[in-house]
Amino acid sequence: MHPIDPVLKLKDVCPMIKRSASAINRDRRLGTFPAPLRLGARSVGWRTSDIQQWIADRERVTNARGR
């Protein structure tokens, strides 16, 4: 059995990482933000663990730069 890993919609991800939808979509196109899961014909979402990992990776980069 897999642990529960809720799927977040864009409206949930934006406040979580303090970024706008357009900034997230731009970063998706650039490949610097996790790819979403296709939930339906016009719906996508992200696993909570993918967003948490993205945050942790950014923190490591920031700490490595000495900020």
Protein backbone atom coordinates (compact mmCIF):
# COMPACT_ATOMS: atom_id res chain seq x y z
CA MET A 1 0.00 0.00 0.00
CA HIS A 2 1.31 3.46 -0.93
CA PRO A 3 1.35 6.30 1.58
CA ILE A 4 -1.16 9.04 0.92
CA ASP A 5 0.29 11.75 -1.31
CA PRO A 6 -2.45 14.29 -2.01
CA VAL A 7 -2.65 15.95 -5.40
CA LEU A 8 -2.64 19.75 -5.31
CA LYS A 9 -4.29 21.98 -7.87
CA LEU A 10 -2.60 25.17 -9.12
CA LYS A 11 -4.78 27.30 -6.81
CA ASP A 12 -3.33 25.34 -3.87
CA VAL A 13 0.28 25.38 -5.07
CA CYS A 14 0.46 29.16 -5.64
CA PRO A 15 0.02 30.23 -2.01
CA MET A 16 2.08 27.28 -0.79
CA ILE A 17 5.19 28.50 -2.64
CA LYS A 18 4.27 32.19 -2.80
CA ARG A 19 4.38 32.35 -6.61
CA SER A 20 1.82 33.36 -9.21
CA ALA A 21 0.21 30.93 -11.61
CA SER A 22 1.96 32.61 -14.53
CA ALA A 23 5.37 32.24 -12.83
CA ILE A 24 4.70 28.55 -12.16
CA ASN A 25 3.58 27.97 -15.74
CA ARG A 26 6.66 29.77 -17.07
CA ASP A 27 8.92 27.63 -14.90
CA ARG A 28 7.07 24.49 -16.08
CA ARG A 29 7.84 25.44 -19.69
CA LEU A 30 11.49 26.09 -18.78
CA GLY A 31 11.72 22.74 -17.02
CA THR A 32 12.57 24.26 -13.64
CA PHE A 33 9.31 23.26 -11.93
CA PRO A 34 7.93 19.74 -11.53
CA ALA A 35 5.75 18.43 -14.33
CA PRO A 36 2.10 18.12 -13.33
CA LEU A 37 -0.07 15.03 -13.46
CA ARG A 38 -2.83 15.04 -16.06
CA LEU A 39 -6.07 14.64 -14.07
CA GLY A 40 -8.49 15.12 -16.93
CA ALA A 41 -8.88 16.77 -20.31
CA ARG A 42 -8.46 20.25 -18.82
CA SER A 43 -7.12 19.57 -15.35
CA VAL A 44 -3.65 19.06 -13.91
CA GLY A 45 -2.25 18.75 -10.41
CA TRP A 46 0.96 18.07 -8.54
CA ARG A 47 1.79 15.45 -5.94
CA THR A 48 2.42 17.13 -2.62
CA SER A 49 5.72 15.25 -2.35
CA ASP A 50 6.90 16.70 -5.70
CA ILE A 51 6.23 20.26 -4.48
CA GLN A 52 7.90 19.57 -1.13
CA GLN A 53 10.94 18.15 -2.92
CA TRP A 54 11.10 21.21 -5.21
CA ILE A 55 11.07 23.46 -2.12
CA ALA A 56 13.80 21.38 -0.44
CA ASP A 57 15.94 21.52 -3.60
CA ARG A 58 15.62 25.30 -3.76
CA GLU A 59 16.57 25.58 -0.09
CA ARG A 60 19.70 23.48 -0.71
CA VAL A 61 20.72 25.67 -3.64
CA THR A 62 20.15 28.82 -1.59
CA ASN A 63 22.13 27.45 1.37
CA ALA A 64 24.96 26.34 -0.91
CA ARG A 65 25.24 29.91 -2.18
CA GLY A 66 25.60 31.13 1.41
CA ARG A 67 22.42 33.13 1.59
